[in-house]
Amino acid sequence: MRTKGTEEKRVDKEIIHQSFAKVNNNNLKKKKKKKERKRKKSQSQSQNQNQNQNQKKDKTKPNKPKNQNPKSKIQKQKQKQTPIQETNNKDQKKVKKDKKKFKKQRSEKTKKKLESGDWKPTNQPTPANPEKKKERKEKKRKEKRKKYKSKIKMEIQQSKPKKAKNKLQNHKIKM
């Protein structure tokens, strides 16, 4: 068995490279075509939207007479463009300062009231009672247990006694 010479190896490599180049070229062509299709699609969609909008405009304003007097139109535009009153920056700053001052005063008042013990804020939750919490948990647990027992009873009635017995034993439930 003769081994391949360097020339043959080089030729093989060139063939491989050429095949890869073909594949890459094909892929690039496919990508270009895809992009072109997308572009055409988006163009057609935008054209359709424009047409639809134009049709809608036509429907909403039927037989509207054109303005015969262009001067009045210009006057109307001028009326619309009323100059915006420039607010004095110092005044705005003063208002902000006043607001901050008021907030400070209010917070100081509330602190004083809290310290004196006359007043309690309404949004403060009542402190949790651990005993009541335990009772609620226990109640929930018992309800779950009840539901489970009733489920097992139903299984017994539906003639699945073996399954039900196993469950009873596993969960230590006495009927």
C-alpha atoms as a PDB file:
ATOM      1  CA  MET A   1       0.000   0.000   0.000  1.00  0.00           C
ATOM      2  CA  ARG A   2       1.569   3.221  -1.153  1.00  0.00           C
ATOM      3  CA  THR A   3       1.282   6.338   1.039  1.00  0.00           C
ATOM      4  CA  LYS A   4       0.117   9.581  -0.498  1.00  0.00           C
ATOM      5  CA  GLY A   5       2.809  11.909  -1.714  1.00  0.00           C
ATOM      6  CA  THR A   6       3.004  15.576  -0.773  1.00  0.00           C
ATOM      7  CA  GLU A   7       1.639  16.654  -4.165  1.00  0.00           C
ATOM      8  CA  GLU A   8      -1.415  14.432  -3.826  1.00  0.00           C
ATOM      9  CA  LYS A   9      -2.031  15.680  -0.288  1.00  0.00           C
ATOM     10  CA  ARG A  10      -1.853  19.273  -1.507  1.00  0.00           C
ATOM     11  CA  VAL A  11      -4.345  18.525  -4.284  1.00  0.00           C
ATOM     12  CA  ASP A  12      -6.679  16.865  -1.769  1.00  0.00           C
ATOM     13  CA  LYS A  13      -6.481  19.910   0.483  1.00  0.00           C
ATOM     14  CA  GLU A  14      -7.277  22.211  -2.423  1.00  0.00           C
ATOM     15  CA  ILE A  15     -10.306  20.095  -3.327  1.00  0.00           C
ATOM     16  CA  ILE A  16     -11.522  20.259   0.281  1.00  0.00           C
ATOM     17  CA  HIS A  17     -11.005  24.025   0.387  1.00  0.00           C
ATOM     18  CA  GLN A  18     -12.867  24.446  -2.871  1.00  0.00           C
ATOM     19  CA  SER A  19     -15.818  22.405  -1.599  1.00  0.00           C
ATOM     20  CA  PHE A  20     -15.912  24.479   1.615  1.00  0.00           C
ATOM     21  CA  ALA A  21     -15.744  27.668  -0.417  1.00  0.00           C
ATOM     22  CA  LYS A  22     -18.677  26.454  -2.532  1.00  0.00           C
ATOM     23  CA  VAL A  23     -20.718  25.702   0.566  1.00  0.00           C
ATOM     24  CA  ASN A  24     -19.882  29.081   2.104  1.00  0.00           C
ATOM     25  CA  ASN A  25     -20.677  30.837  -1.134  1.00  0.00           C
ATOM     26  CA  ASN A  26     -24.041  29.082  -1.339  1.00  0.00           C
ATOM     27  CA  ASN A  27     -24.798  30.015   2.262  1.00  0.00           C
ATOM     28  CA  LEU A  28     -23.930  33.652   1.576  1.00  0.00           C
ATOM     29  CA  LYS A  29     -26.178  33.664  -1.477  1.00  0.00           C
ATOM     30  CA  LYS A  30     -29.016  32.168   0.571  1.00  0.00           C
ATOM     31  CA  LYS A  31     -28.550  34.806   3.265  1.00  0.00           C
ATOM     32  CA  LYS A  32     -28.561  37.588   0.670  1.00  0.00           C
ATOM     33  CA  LYS A  33     -31.758  36.244  -0.865  1.00  0.00           C
ATOM     34  CA  LYS A  34     -33.385  35.992   2.562  1.00  0.00           C
ATOM     35  CA  LYS A  35     -32.430  39.584   3.390  1.00  0.00           C
ATOM     36  CA  GLU A  36     -33.763  40.762   0.041  1.00  0.00           C
ATOM     37  CA  ARG A  37     -37.048  38.941   0.637  1.00  0.00           C
ATOM     38  CA  LYS A  38     -37.380  40.472   4.105  1.00  0.00           C
ATOM     39  CA  ARG A  39     -36.647  43.939   2.746  1.00  0.00           C
ATOM     40  CA  LYS A  40     -39.226  43.569  -0.021  1.00  0.00           C
ATOM     41  CA  LYS A  41     -41.773  42.255   2.466  1.00  0.00           C
ATOM     42  CA  SER A  42     -41.268  45.158   4.857  1.00  0.00           C
ATOM     43  CA  GLN A  43     -41.457  47.621   1.968  1.00  0.00           C
ATOM     44  CA  SER A  44     -44.713  46.146   0.745  1.00  0.00           C
ATOM     45  CA  GLN A  45     -46.100  46.170   4.305  1.00  0.00           C
ATOM     46  CA  SER A  46     -45.218  49.836   4.774  1.00  0.00           C
ATOM     47  CA  GLN A  47     -46.815  50.663   1.415  1.00  0.00           C
ATOM     48  CA  ASN A  48     -49.957  48.780   2.439  1.00  0.00           C
ATOM     49  CA  GLN A  49     -50.065  50.642   5.738  1.00  0.00           C
ATOM     50  CA  ASN A  50     -49.702  53.972   3.961  1.00  0.00           C
ATOM     51  CA  GLN A  51     -52.497  53.062   1.572  1.00  0.00           C
ATOM     52  CA  ASN A  52     -54.728  51.973   4.460  1.00  0.00           C
ATOM     53  CA  GLN A  53     -54.046  55.197   6.320  1.00  0.00           C
ATOM     54  CA  ASN A  54     -54.847  57.230   3.233  1.00  0.00           C
ATOM     55  CA  GLN A  55     -58.093  55.325   2.791  1.00  0.00           C
ATOM     56  CA  LYS A  56     -58.996  55.872   6.432  1.00  0.00           C
ATOM     57  CA  LYS A  57     -58.312  59.575   6.102  1.00  0.00           C
ATOM     58  CA  ASP A  58     -60.543  59.718   3.069  1.00  0.00           C
ATOM     59  CA  LYS A  59     -63.319  57.910   4.952  1.00  0.00           C
ATOM     60  CA  THR A  60     -63.135  60.115   8.023  1.00  0.00           C
ATOM     61  CA  LYS A  61     -63.304  63.402   6.121  1.00  0.00           C
ATOM     62  CA  PRO A  62     -65.697  63.017   3.197  1.00  0.00           C
ATOM     63  CA  ASN A  63     -66.467  65.956   0.859  1.00  0.00           C
ATOM     64  CA  LYS A  64     -64.637  68.532   2.931  1.00  0.00           C
ATOM     65  CA  PRO A  65     -64.488  71.795   0.983  1.00  0.00           C
ATOM     66  CA  LYS A  66     -61.031  73.201   0.390  1.00  0.00           C
ATOM     67  CA  ASN A  67     -60.164  76.425   2.124  1.00  0.00           C
ATOM     68  CA  GLN A  68     -60.854  79.201  -0.393  1.00  0.00           C
ATOM     69  CA  ASN A  69     -59.131  81.883   1.641  1.00  0.00           C
ATOM     70  CA  PRO A  70     -55.463  81.042   2.270  1.00  0.00           C
ATOM     71  CA  LYS A  71     -54.916  84.177   4.346  1.00  0.00           C
ATOM     72  CA  SER A  72     -57.349  83.003   7.036  1.00  0.00           C
ATOM     73  CA  LYS A  73     -55.447  79.708   7.211  1.00  0.00           C
ATOM     74  CA  ILE A  74     -52.198  81.547   7.909  1.00  0.00           C
ATOM     75  CA  GLN A  75     -53.910  83.643  10.579  1.00  0.00           C
ATOM     76  CA  LYS A  76     -55.215  80.518  12.279  1.00  0.00           C
ATOM     77  CA  GLN A  77     -51.731  79.031  12.331  1.00  0.00           C
ATOM     78  CA  LYS A  78     -50.390  82.204  13.903  1.00  0.00           C
ATOM     79  CA  GLN A  79     -53.100  82.046  16.564  1.00  0.00           C
ATOM     80  CA  LYS A  80     -52.168  78.471  17.371  1.00  0.00           C
ATOM     81  CA  GLN A  81     -48.524  79.408  17.867  1.00  0.00           C
ATOM     82  CA  THR A  82     -49.065  81.497  20.975  1.00  0.00           C
ATOM     83  CA  PRO A  83     -45.817  82.315  22.756  1.00  0.00           C
ATOM     84  CA  ILE A  84     -45.261  80.175  25.829  1.00  0.00           C
ATOM     85  CA  GLN A  85     -44.960  82.265  28.958  1.00  0.00           C
ATOM     86  CA  GLU A  86     -41.467  81.943  30.301  1.00  0.00           C
ATOM     87  CA  THR A  87     -41.600  80.807  33.887  1.00  0.00           C
ATOM     88  CA  ASN A  88     -39.136  82.430  36.172  1.00  0.00           C
ATOM     89  CA  ASN A  89     -36.556  79.893  37.285  1.00  0.00           C
ATOM     90  CA  LYS A  90     -36.118  81.549  40.675  1.00  0.00           C
ATOM     91  CA  ASP A  91     -39.823  81.183  41.426  1.00  0.00           C
ATOM     92  CA  GLN A  92     -39.699  77.472  40.673  1.00  0.00           C
ATOM     93  CA  LYS A  93     -36.721  76.998  42.969  1.00  0.00           C
ATOM     94  CA  LYS A  94     -38.534  78.903  45.704  1.00  0.00           C
ATOM     95  CA  VAL A  95     -41.590  76.654  45.393  1.00  0.00           C
ATOM     96  CA  LYS A  96     -39.364  73.560  45.694  1.00  0.00           C
ATOM     97  CA  LYS A  97     -37.700  74.975  48.801  1.00  0.00           C
ATOM     98  CA  ASP A  98     -41.071  75.765  50.349  1.00  0.00           C
ATOM     99  CA  LYS A  99     -42.235  72.204  49.717  1.00  0.00           C
ATOM    100  CA  LYS A 100     -39.140  70.779  51.388  1.00  0.00           C
ATOM    101  CA  LYS A 101     -39.615  73.108  54.345  1.00  0.00           C
ATOM    102  CA  PHE A 102     -43.239  72.044  54.739  1.00  0.00           C
ATOM    103  CA  LYS A 103     -42.301  68.355  54.638  1.00  0.00           C
ATOM    104  CA  LYS A 104     -39.671  68.893  57.324  1.00  0.00           C
ATOM    105  CA  GLN A 105     -42.124  70.718  59.565  1.00  0.00           C
ATOM    106  CA  ARG A 106     -44.698  67.980  59.133  1.00  0.00           C
ATOM    107  CA  SER A 107     -42.225  65.227  59.970  1.00  0.00           C
ATOM    108  CA  GLU A 108     -41.112  67.129  63.081  1.00  0.00           C
ATOM    109  CA  LYS A 109     -44.729  67.462  64.219  1.00  0.00           C
ATOM    110  CA  THR A 110     -45.378  63.753  63.791  1.00  0.00           C
ATOM    111  CA  LYS A 111     -42.211  62.912  65.733  1.00  0.00           C
ATOM    112  CA  LYS A 112     -43.358  65.079  68.611  1.00  0.00           C
ATOM    113  CA  LYS A 113     -46.796  63.475  68.626  1.00  0.00           C
ATOM    114  CA  LEU A 114     -45.303  59.994  68.617  1.00  0.00           C
ATOM    115  CA  GLU A 115     -42.961  60.855  71.479  1.00  0.00           C
ATOM    116  CA  SER A 116     -45.799  62.243  73.556  1.00  0.00           C
ATOM    117  CA  GLY A 117     -47.822  59.056  72.932  1.00  0.00           C
ATOM    118  CA  ASP A 118     -51.056  60.868  72.066  1.00  0.00           C
ATOM    119  CA  TRP A 119     -51.144  59.836  68.457  1.00  0.00           C
ATOM    120  CA  LYS A 120     -50.443  56.667  66.515  1.00  0.00           C
ATOM    121  CA  PRO A 121     -49.968  56.543  62.735  1.00  0.00           C
ATOM    122  CA  THR A 122     -52.816  54.745  60.980  1.00  0.00           C
ATOM    123  CA  ASN A 123     -50.677  52.793  58.547  1.00  0.00           C
ATOM    124  CA  GLN A 124     -48.764  50.932  61.264  1.00  0.00           C
ATOM    125  CA  PRO A 125     -49.783  47.272  61.523  1.00  0.00           C
ATOM    126  CA  THR A 126     -50.839  45.814  64.839  1.00  0.00           C
ATOM    127  CA  PRO A 127     -48.189  43.623  66.473  1.00  0.00           C
ATOM    128  CA  ALA A 128     -48.540  39.919  65.675  1.00  0.00           C
ATOM    129  CA  ASN A 129     -49.910  37.595  68.332  1.00  0.00           C
ATOM    130  CA  PRO A 130     -47.904  34.330  68.286  1.00  0.00           C
ATOM    131  CA  GLU A 131     -50.598  32.330  70.099  1.00  0.00           C
ATOM    132  CA  LYS A 132     -53.257  33.253  67.561  1.00  0.00           C
ATOM    133  CA  LYS A 133     -50.848  32.382  64.782  1.00  0.00           C
ATOM    134  CA  LYS A 134     -50.356  28.893  66.259  1.00  0.00           C
ATOM    135  CA  GLU A 135     -54.123  28.439  66.559  1.00  0.00           C
ATOM    136  CA  ARG A 136     -54.626  29.407  62.914  1.00  0.00           C
ATOM    137  CA  LYS A 137     -51.936  26.961  61.790  1.00  0.00           C
ATOM    138  CA  GLU A 138     -53.479  24.173  63.854  1.00  0.00           C
ATOM    139  CA  LYS A 139     -56.916  24.901  62.427  1.00  0.00           C
ATOM    140  CA  LYS A 140     -55.568  24.755  58.871  1.00  0.00           C
ATOM    141  CA  ARG A 141     -53.810  21.476  59.591  1.00  0.00           C
ATOM    142  CA  LYS A 142     -57.003  19.931  60.981  1.00  0.00           C
ATOM    143  CA  GLU A 143     -59.005  21.037  57.944  1.00  0.00           C
ATOM    144  CA  LYS A 144     -56.453  19.457  55.622  1.00  0.00           C
ATOM    145  CA  ARG A 145     -56.596  16.263  57.642  1.00  0.00           C
ATOM    146  CA  LYS A 146     -60.397  16.218  57.426  1.00  0.00           C
ATOM    147  CA  LYS A 147     -60.316  16.623  53.661  1.00  0.00           C
ATOM    148  CA  TYR A 148     -57.796  13.817  53.357  1.00  0.00           C
ATOM    149  CA  LYS A 149     -59.939  11.505  55.521  1.00  0.00           C
ATOM    150  CA  SER A 150     -63.002  12.197  53.400  1.00  0.00           C
ATOM    151  CA  LYS A 151     -60.967  11.455  50.268  1.00  0.00           C
ATOM    152  CA  ILE A 152     -59.913   8.090  51.681  1.00  0.00           C
ATOM    153  CA  LYS A 153     -63.504   7.265  52.647  1.00  0.00           C
ATOM    154  CA  MET A 154     -64.536   7.964  49.065  1.00  0.00           C
ATOM    155  CA  GLU A 155     -61.835   5.564  47.848  1.00  0.00           C
ATOM    156  CA  ILE A 156     -63.151   2.869  50.170  1.00  0.00           C
ATOM    157  CA  GLN A 157     -66.649   3.396  48.797  1.00  0.00           C
ATOM    158  CA  GLN A 158     -65.323   3.206  45.243  1.00  0.00           C
ATOM    159  CA  SER A 159     -64.028  -0.291  46.032  1.00  0.00           C
ATOM    160  CA  LYS A 160     -60.339   0.465  46.365  1.00  0.00           C
ATOM    161  CA  PRO A 161     -59.918  -0.819  49.929  1.00  0.00           C
ATOM    162  CA  LYS A 162     -56.328  -2.012  49.614  1.00  0.00           C
ATOM    163  CA  LYS A 163     -55.077   1.389  48.452  1.00  0.00           C
ATOM    164  CA  ALA A 164     -57.069   3.152  51.145  1.00  0.00           C
ATOM    165  CA  LYS A 165     -55.803   0.811  53.899  1.00  0.00           C
ATOM    166  CA  ASN A 166     -52.201   1.511  52.915  1.00  0.00           C
ATOM    167  CA  LYS A 167     -52.826   5.231  53.039  1.00  0.00           C
ATOM    168  CA  LEU A 168     -54.466   4.914  56.437  1.00  0.00           C
ATOM    169  CA  GLN A 169     -51.490   3.013  57.784  1.00  0.00           C
ATOM    170  CA  ASN A 170     -48.930   5.359  56.252  1.00  0.00           C
ATOM    171  CA  HIS A 171     -50.584   8.491  57.644  1.00  0.00           C
ATOM    172  CA  LYS A 172     -51.661   6.930  60.942  1.00  0.00           C
ATOM    173  CA  ILE A 173     -55.300   7.853  60.506  1.00  0.00           C
ATOM    174  CA  LYS A 174     -57.935   6.123  62.634  1.00  0.00           C
ATOM    175  CA  MET A 175     -61.388   5.805  61.139  1.00  0.00           C
END
